[in-house]
């Protein structure tokens, strides 16, 4: 009698990183939340994001908007 040993298969994931920008009149945190919410409308399996940059828009000496540049990581189907 012969025994065949099967090699366990490993699942491989491939991730992609995209860059997005988002803006909020409230805060940087809200801009991040808005950016991720918008991205999830068309991108699935988002696994994480990091802030690449932050800017503020100033009008008449006051902050009018908070803007973030995000790098978003998701797993390809």
PDB file of N, CA and C in Angstrom:
ATOM      1  N   UNK A   1       0.848  -1.169   0.000  1.00  0.00           N
ATOM      2  CA  UNK A   1       0.000   0.000   0.000  1.00  0.00           C
ATOM      3  C   UNK A   1       0.898   1.239   0.000  1.00  0.00           C
ATOM      4  N   UNK A   2       0.583   2.193  -0.841  1.00  0.00           N
ATOM      5  CA  UNK A   2       1.374   3.401  -0.981  1.00  0.00           C
ATOM      6  C   UNK A   2       0.618   4.577  -0.379  1.00  0.00           C
ATOM      7  N   UNK A   3       1.323   5.433   0.340  1.00  0.00           N
ATOM      8  CA  UNK A   3       0.716   6.607   0.942  1.00  0.00           C
ATOM      9  C   UNK A   3       1.167   7.840   0.172  1.00  0.00           C
ATOM     10  N   UNK A   4       0.200   8.659  -0.224  1.00  0.00           N
ATOM     11  CA  UNK A   4       0.500   9.893  -0.938  1.00  0.00           C
ATOM     12  C   UNK A   4       0.310  11.052   0.036  1.00  0.00           C
ATOM     13  N   UNK A   5       1.353  11.815   0.201  1.00  0.00           N
ATOM     14  CA  UNK A   5       1.272  12.987   1.065  1.00  0.00           C
ATOM     15  C   UNK A   5       0.965  14.209   0.224  1.00  0.00           C
ATOM     16  N   UNK A   6      -0.068  14.905   0.607  1.00  0.00           N
ATOM     17  CA  UNK A   6      -0.424  16.124  -0.116  1.00  0.00           C
ATOM     18  C   UNK A   6       0.264  17.320   0.535  1.00  0.00           C
ATOM     19  N   UNK A   7       0.799  18.172  -0.288  1.00  0.00           N
ATOM     20  CA  UNK A   7       1.408  19.401   0.197  1.00  0.00           C
ATOM     21  C   UNK A   7       0.306  20.413   0.452  1.00  0.00           C
ATOM     22  N   UNK A   8       0.291  21.009   1.651  1.00  0.00           N
ATOM     23  CA  UNK A   8      -0.756  22.008   1.913  1.00  0.00           C
ATOM     24  C   UNK A   8      -0.624  23.180   0.935  1.00  0.00           C
ATOM     25  N   UNK A   9      -1.747  23.623   0.461  1.00  0.00           N
ATOM     26  CA  UNK A   9      -1.759  24.768  -0.452  1.00  0.00           C
ATOM     27  C   UNK A   9      -1.752  26.052   0.358  1.00  0.00           C
ATOM     28  N   UNK A  10      -0.964  26.979  -0.091  1.00  0.00           N
ATOM     29  CA  UNK A  10      -0.953  28.284   0.572  1.00  0.00           C
ATOM     30  C   UNK A  10      -1.768  29.261  -0.263  1.00  0.00           C
ATOM     31  N   UNK A  11      -2.547  30.032   0.417  1.00  0.00           N
ATOM     32  CA  UNK A  11      -3.335  31.049  -0.264  1.00  0.00           C
ATOM     33  C   UNK A  11      -2.490  32.308  -0.368  1.00  0.00           C
ATOM     34  N   UNK A  12      -2.408  32.822  -1.556  1.00  0.00           N
ATOM     35  CA  UNK A  12      -1.621  34.019  -1.790  1.00  0.00           C
ATOM     36  C   UNK A  12      -2.555  35.175  -2.105  1.00  0.00           C
ATOM     37  N   UNK A  13      -2.340  36.272  -1.436  1.00  0.00           N
ATOM     38  CA  UNK A  13      -3.119  37.479  -1.705  1.00  0.00           C
ATOM     39  C   UNK A  13      -2.218  38.489  -2.396  1.00  0.00           C
ATOM     40  N   UNK A  14      -2.831  39.243  -3.279  1.00  0.00           N
ATOM     41  CA  UNK A  14      -2.117  40.327  -3.940  1.00  0.00           C
ATOM     42  C   UNK A  14      -2.839  41.611  -3.580  1.00  0.00           C
ATOM     43  N   UNK A  15      -2.093  42.565  -3.067  1.00  0.00           N
ATOM     44  CA  UNK A  15      -2.679  43.840  -2.659  1.00  0.00           C
ATOM     45  C   UNK A  15      -2.242  44.942  -3.613  1.00  0.00           C
ATOM     46  N   UNK A  16      -3.061  45.964  -3.669  1.00  0.00           N
ATOM     47  CA  UNK A  16      -2.759  47.125  -4.499  1.00  0.00           C
ATOM     48  C   UNK A  16      -2.905  48.375  -3.633  1.00  0.00           C
ATOM     49  N   UNK A  17      -2.117  49.390  -3.940  1.00  0.00           N
ATOM     50  CA  UNK A  17      -2.197  50.660  -3.226  1.00  0.00           C
ATOM     51  C   UNK A  17      -2.632  51.741  -4.209  1.00  0.00           C
ATOM     52  N   UNK A  18      -3.656  52.493  -3.815  1.00  0.00           N
ATOM     53  CA  UNK A  18      -4.115  53.618  -4.628  1.00  0.00           C
ATOM     54  C   UNK A  18      -3.965  54.898  -3.804  1.00  0.00           C
ATOM     55  N   UNK A  19      -3.881  56.017  -4.475  1.00  0.00           N
ATOM     56  CA  UNK A  19      -3.796  57.312  -3.805  1.00  0.00           C
ATOM     57  C   UNK A  19      -5.102  58.069  -4.028  1.00  0.00           C
ATOM     58  N   UNK A  20      -5.636  58.616  -2.942  1.00  0.00           N
ATOM     59  CA  UNK A  20      -6.847  59.429  -3.038  1.00  0.00           C
ATOM     60  C   UNK A  20      -6.660  60.694  -2.200  1.00  0.00           C
ATOM     61  N   UNK A  21      -7.440  61.706  -2.507  1.00  0.00           N
ATOM     62  CA  UNK A  21      -7.480  62.932  -1.719  1.00  0.00           C
ATOM     63  C   UNK A  21      -8.902  63.143  -1.254  1.00  0.00           C
ATOM     64  N   UNK A  22      -9.055  63.641  -0.045  1.00  0.00           N
ATOM     65  CA  UNK A  22     -10.391  63.890   0.501  1.00  0.00           C
ATOM     66  C   UNK A  22     -10.354  65.196   1.288  1.00  0.00           C
ATOM     67  N   UNK A  23     -11.534  65.807   1.406  1.00  0.00           N
ATOM     68  CA  UNK A  23     -11.622  67.111   2.059  1.00  0.00           C
ATOM     69  C   UNK A  23     -12.823  67.151   2.991  1.00  0.00           C
ATOM     70  N   UNK A  24     -12.698  67.927   4.059  1.00  0.00           N
ATOM     71  CA  UNK A  24     -13.792  68.109   5.015  1.00  0.00           C
ATOM     72  C   UNK A  24     -13.750  69.534   5.558  1.00  0.00           C
ATOM     73  N   UNK A  25     -14.901  70.112   5.831  1.00  0.00           N
ATOM     74  CA  UNK A  25     -14.910  71.426   6.480  1.00  0.00           C
ATOM     75  C   UNK A  25     -14.717  71.318   7.997  1.00  0.00           C
ATOM     76  N   UNK A  26     -14.732  70.086   8.524  1.00  0.00           N
ATOM     77  CA  UNK A  26     -14.713  69.865   9.971  1.00  0.00           C
ATOM     78  C   UNK A  26     -13.322  69.613  10.568  1.00  0.00           C
ATOM     79  N   UNK A  27     -12.614  68.584  10.038  1.00  0.00           N
ATOM     80  CA  UNK A  27     -11.342  68.175  10.648  1.00  0.00           C
ATOM     81  C   UNK A  27     -10.584  67.228   9.721  1.00  0.00           C
ATOM     82  N   UNK A  28      -9.307  66.993  10.058  1.00  0.00           N
ATOM     83  CA  UNK A  28      -8.527  66.013   9.311  1.00  0.00           C
ATOM     84  C   UNK A  28      -9.138  64.615   9.483  1.00  0.00           C
ATOM     85  N   UNK A  29      -9.543  64.290  10.707  1.00  0.00           N
ATOM     86  CA  UNK A  29     -10.146  62.973  10.979  1.00  0.00           C
ATOM     87  C   UNK A  29     -11.389  62.756  10.121  1.00  0.00           C
ATOM     88  N   UNK A  30     -12.214  63.770   9.998  1.00  0.00           N
ATOM     89  CA  UNK A  30     -13.424  63.668   9.180  1.00  0.00           C
ATOM     90  C   UNK A  30     -13.063  63.529   7.701  1.00  0.00           C
ATOM     91  N   UNK A  31     -12.027  64.217   7.268  1.00  0.00           N
ATOM     92  CA  UNK A  31     -11.582  64.092   5.872  1.00  0.00           C
ATOM     93  C   UNK A  31     -11.128  62.664   5.588  1.00  0.00           C
ATOM     94  N   UNK A  32     -10.417  62.059   6.533  1.00  0.00           N
ATOM     95  CA  UNK A  32      -9.990  60.666   6.373  1.00  0.00           C
ATOM     96  C   UNK A  32     -11.212  59.751   6.284  1.00  0.00           C
ATOM     97  N   UNK A  33     -12.154  59.922   7.194  1.00  0.00           N
ATOM     98  CA  UNK A  33     -13.365  59.092   7.197  1.00  0.00           C
ATOM     99  C   UNK A  33     -14.151  59.251   5.897  1.00  0.00           C
ATOM    100  N   UNK A  34     -14.268  60.460   5.403  1.00  0.00           N
ATOM    101  CA  UNK A  34     -14.979  60.706   4.138  1.00  0.00           C
ATOM    102  C   UNK A  34     -14.259  60.039   2.964  1.00  0.00           C
ATOM    103  N   UNK A  35     -12.936  60.115   2.959  1.00  0.00           N
ATOM    104  CA  UNK A  35     -12.160  59.498   1.886  1.00  0.00           C
ATOM    105  C   UNK A  35     -12.327  57.991   1.858  1.00  0.00           C
ATOM    106  N   UNK A  36     -12.244  57.360   3.024  1.00  0.00           N
ATOM    107  CA  UNK A  36     -12.402  55.906   3.091  1.00  0.00           C
ATOM    108  C   UNK A  36     -13.834  55.511   2.722  1.00  0.00           C
ATOM    109  N   UNK A  37     -14.811  56.251   3.214  1.00  0.00           N
ATOM    110  CA  UNK A  37     -16.212  55.955   2.888  1.00  0.00           C
ATOM    111  C   UNK A  37     -16.451  56.033   1.381  1.00  0.00           C
ATOM    112  N   UNK A  38     -15.911  57.047   0.751  1.00  0.00           N
ATOM    113  CA  UNK A  38     -16.092  57.202  -0.701  1.00  0.00           C
ATOM    114  C   UNK A  38     -15.375  56.084  -1.452  1.00  0.00           C
ATOM    115  N   UNK A  39     -14.176  55.732  -1.016  1.00  0.00           N
ATOM    116  CA  UNK A  39     -13.409  54.673  -1.685  1.00  0.00           C
ATOM    117  C   UNK A  39     -14.134  53.331  -1.610  1.00  0.00           C
ATOM    118  N   UNK A  40     -14.795  53.047  -0.486  1.00  0.00           N
ATOM    119  CA  UNK A  40     -15.481  51.761  -0.338  1.00  0.00           C
ATOM    120  C   UNK A  40     -16.696  51.632  -1.253  1.00  0.00           C
ATOM    121  N   UNK A  41     -17.131  52.722  -1.861  1.00  0.00           N
ATOM    122  CA  UNK A  41     -18.247  52.643  -2.812  1.00  0.00           C
ATOM    123  C   UNK A  41     -17.847  51.882  -4.076  1.00  0.00           C
ATOM    124  N   UNK A  42     -16.567  51.939  -4.433  1.00  0.00           N
ATOM    125  CA  UNK A  42     -16.132  51.272  -5.674  1.00  0.00           C
ATOM    126  C   UNK A  42     -14.978  50.291  -5.471  1.00  0.00           C
ATOM    127  N   UNK A  43     -14.287  50.380  -4.350  1.00  0.00           N
ATOM    128  CA  UNK A  43     -13.153  49.487  -4.088  1.00  0.00           C
ATOM    129  C   UNK A  43     -13.538  48.554  -2.950  1.00  0.00           C
ATOM    130  N   UNK A  44     -13.341  47.260  -3.166  1.00  0.00           N
ATOM    131  CA  UNK A  44     -13.701  46.257  -2.157  1.00  0.00           C
ATOM    132  C   UNK A  44     -12.445  45.729  -1.478  1.00  0.00           C
ATOM    133  N   UNK A  45     -12.626  45.147  -0.315  1.00  0.00           N
ATOM    134  CA  UNK A  45     -11.527  44.529   0.433  1.00  0.00           C
ATOM    135  C   UNK A  45     -10.447  45.519   0.841  1.00  0.00           C
ATOM    136  N   UNK A  46     -10.845  46.737   1.225  1.00  0.00           N
ATOM    137  CA  UNK A  46      -9.873  47.696   1.747  1.00  0.00           C
ATOM    138  C   UNK A  46      -9.359  47.172   3.076  1.00  0.00           C
ATOM    139  N   UNK A  47      -8.052  47.120   3.212  1.00  0.00           N
ATOM    140  CA  UNK A  47      -7.425  46.565   4.410  1.00  0.00           C
ATOM    141  C   UNK A  47      -6.744  47.607   5.273  1.00  0.00           C
ATOM    142  N   UNK A  48      -6.439  48.765   4.719  1.00  0.00           N
ATOM    143  CA  UNK A  48      -5.773  49.786   5.514  1.00  0.00           C
ATOM    144  C   UNK A  48      -5.503  51.028   4.692  1.00  0.00           C
ATOM    145  N   UNK A  49      -5.053  52.054   5.378  1.00  0.00           N
ATOM    146  CA  UNK A  49      -4.717  53.318   4.710  1.00  0.00           C
ATOM    147  C   UNK A  49      -3.743  54.080   5.584  1.00  0.00           C
ATOM    148  N   UNK A  50      -2.971  54.943   4.967  1.00  0.00           N
ATOM    149  CA  UNK A  50      -2.122  55.837   5.740  1.00  0.00           C
ATOM    150  C   UNK A  50      -2.161  57.218   5.118  1.00  0.00           C
ATOM    151  N   UNK A  51      -1.950  58.196   5.974  1.00  0.00           N
ATOM    152  CA  UNK A  51      -1.991  59.597   5.553  1.00  0.00           C
ATOM    153  C   UNK A  51      -0.620  59.963   4.994  1.00  0.00           C
ATOM    154  N   UNK A  52      -0.604  60.336   3.731  1.00  0.00           N
ATOM    155  CA  UNK A  52       0.626  60.738   3.057  1.00  0.00           C
ATOM    156  C   UNK A  52       0.890  62.230   3.256  1.00  0.00           C
ATOM    157  N   UNK A  53      -0.193  63.016   3.387  1.00  0.00           N
ATOM    158  CA  UNK A  53      -0.024  64.451   3.559  1.00  0.00           C
ATOM    159  C   UNK A  53      -1.297  65.110   4.064  1.00  0.00           C
ATOM    160  N   UNK A  54      -1.143  66.279   4.635  1.00  0.00           N
ATOM    161  CA  UNK A  54      -2.274  67.061   5.138  1.00  0.00           C
ATOM    162  C   UNK A  54      -2.087  68.516   4.721  1.00  0.00           C
ATOM    163  N   UNK A  55      -3.183  69.153   4.358  1.00  0.00           N
ATOM    164  CA  UNK A  55      -3.155  70.578   4.031  1.00  0.00           C
ATOM    165  C   UNK A  55      -4.438  71.212   4.561  1.00  0.00           C
ATOM    166  N   UNK A  56      -4.387  72.509   4.735  1.00  0.00           N
ATOM    167  CA  UNK A  56      -5.603  73.251   5.054  1.00  0.00           C
ATOM    168  C   UNK A  56      -5.815  74.315   3.999  1.00  0.00           C
ATOM    169  N   UNK A  57      -7.073  74.587   3.743  1.00  0.00           N
ATOM    170  CA  UNK A  57      -7.446  75.649   2.818  1.00  0.00           C
ATOM    171  C   UNK A  57      -7.842  76.841   3.685  1.00  0.00           C
ATOM    172  N   UNK A  58      -7.225  77.994   3.452  1.00  0.00           N
ATOM    173  CA  UNK A  58      -7.469  79.186   4.267  1.00  0.00           C
ATOM    174  C   UNK A  58      -8.200  80.232   3.437  1.00  0.00           C
ATOM    175  N   UNK A  59      -9.277  80.745   4.014  1.00  0.00           N
ATOM    176  CA  UNK A  59     -10.051  81.807   3.380  1.00  0.00           C
ATOM    177  C   UNK A  59     -10.260  82.900   4.424  1.00  0.00           C
ATOM    178  N   UNK A  60      -9.884  84.120   4.080  1.00  0.00           N
ATOM    179  CA  UNK A  60     -10.017  85.266   4.984  1.00  0.00           C
ATOM    180  C   UNK A  60      -9.377  85.005   6.352  1.00  0.00           C
ATOM    181  N   UNK A  61      -8.225  84.354   6.334  1.00  0.00           N
ATOM    182  CA  UNK A  61      -7.494  84.108   7.571  1.00  0.00           C
ATOM    183  C   UNK A  61      -8.022  82.994   8.446  1.00  0.00           C
ATOM    184  N   UNK A  62      -9.016  82.252   7.957  1.00  0.00           N
ATOM    185  CA  UNK A  62      -9.601  81.153   8.742  1.00  0.00           C
ATOM    186  C   UNK A  62      -9.534  79.852   7.940  1.00  0.00           C
ATOM    187  N   UNK A  63      -9.432  78.752   8.656  1.00  0.00           N
ATOM    188  CA  UNK A  63      -9.414  77.448   7.983  1.00  0.00           C
ATOM    189  C   UNK A  63     -10.800  77.172   7.410  1.00  0.00           C
ATOM    190  N   UNK A  64     -10.847  76.974   6.100  1.00  0.00           N
ATOM    191  CA  UNK A  64     -12.113  76.709   5.411  1.00  0.00           C
ATOM    192  C   UNK A  64     -12.291  75.217   5.125  1.00  0.00           C
ATOM    193  N   UNK A  65     -11.176  74.477   5.014  1.00  0.00           N
ATOM    194  CA  UNK A  65     -11.283  73.043   4.713  1.00  0.00           C
ATOM    195  C   UNK A  65      -9.997  72.338   5.119  1.00  0.00           C
ATOM    196  N   UNK A  66     -10.161  71.087   5.491  1.00  0.00           N
ATOM    197  CA  UNK A  66      -9.044  70.210   5.829  1.00  0.00           C
ATOM    198  C   UNK A  66      -8.925  69.173   4.714  1.00  0.00           C
ATOM    199  N   UNK A  67      -7.739  69.021   4.173  1.00  0.00           N
ATOM    200  CA  UNK A  67      -7.543  68.098   3.051  1.00  0.00           C
ATOM    201  C   UNK A  67      -6.464  67.075   3.430  1.00  0.00           C
ATOM    202  N   UNK A  68      -6.703  65.808   3.071  1.00  0.00           N
ATOM    203  CA  UNK A  68      -5.720  64.743   3.304  1.00  0.00           C
ATOM    204  C   UNK A  68      -5.455  64.000   2.003  1.00  0.00           C
ATOM    205  N   UNK A  69      -4.221  63.570   1.858  1.00  0.00           N
ATOM    206  CA  UNK A  69      -3.835  62.681   0.775  1.00  0.00           C
ATOM    207  C   UNK A  69      -3.593  61.316   1.415  1.00  0.00           C
ATOM    208  N   UNK A  70      -4.338  60.310   0.940  1.00  0.00           N
ATOM    209  CA  UNK A  70      -4.284  58.978   1.537  1.00  0.00           C
ATOM    210  C   UNK A  70      -3.738  57.961   0.559  1.00  0.00           C
ATOM    211  N   UNK A  71      -3.046  56.974   1.077  1.00  0.00           N
ATOM    212  CA  UNK A  71      -2.694  55.785   0.324  1.00  0.00           C
ATOM    213  C   UNK A  71      -3.541  54.662   0.916  1.00  0.00           C
ATOM    214  N   UNK A  72      -4.319  54.028   0.072  1.00  0.00           N
ATOM    215  CA  UNK A  72      -5.277  53.014   0.497  1.00  0.00           C
ATOM    216  C   UNK A  72      -4.859  51.662  -0.052  1.00  0.00           C
ATOM    217  N   UNK A  73      -4.815  50.659   0.815  1.00  0.00           N
ATOM    218  CA  UNK A  73      -4.428  49.308   0.420  1.00  0.00           C
ATOM    219  C   UNK A  73      -5.653  48.411   0.370  1.00  0.00           C
ATOM    220  N   UNK A  74      -5.786  47.646  -0.721  1.00  0.00           N
ATOM    221  CA  UNK A  74      -6.883  46.683  -0.829  1.00  0.00           C
ATOM    222  C   UNK A  74      -6.380  45.414  -1.507  1.00  0.00           C
ATOM    223  N   UNK A  75      -7.096  44.319  -1.267  1.00  0.00           N
ATOM    224  CA  UNK A  75      -6.729  43.013  -1.822  1.00  0.00           C
ATOM    225  C   UNK A  75      -7.458  42.826  -3.136  1.00  0.00           C
ATOM    226  N   UNK A  76      -6.729  42.414  -4.156  1.00  0.00           N
ATOM    227  CA  UNK A  76      -7.326  42.157  -5.463  1.00  0.00           C
ATOM    228  C   UNK A  76      -8.126  40.864  -5.439  1.00  0.00           C
ATOM    229  N   UNK A  77      -9.230  40.843  -6.196  1.00  0.00           N
ATOM    230  CA  UNK A  77     -10.062  39.637  -6.312  1.00  0.00           C
ATOM    231  C   UNK A  77      -9.299  38.534  -6.996  1.00  0.00           C
TER     232      UNK A  77
END
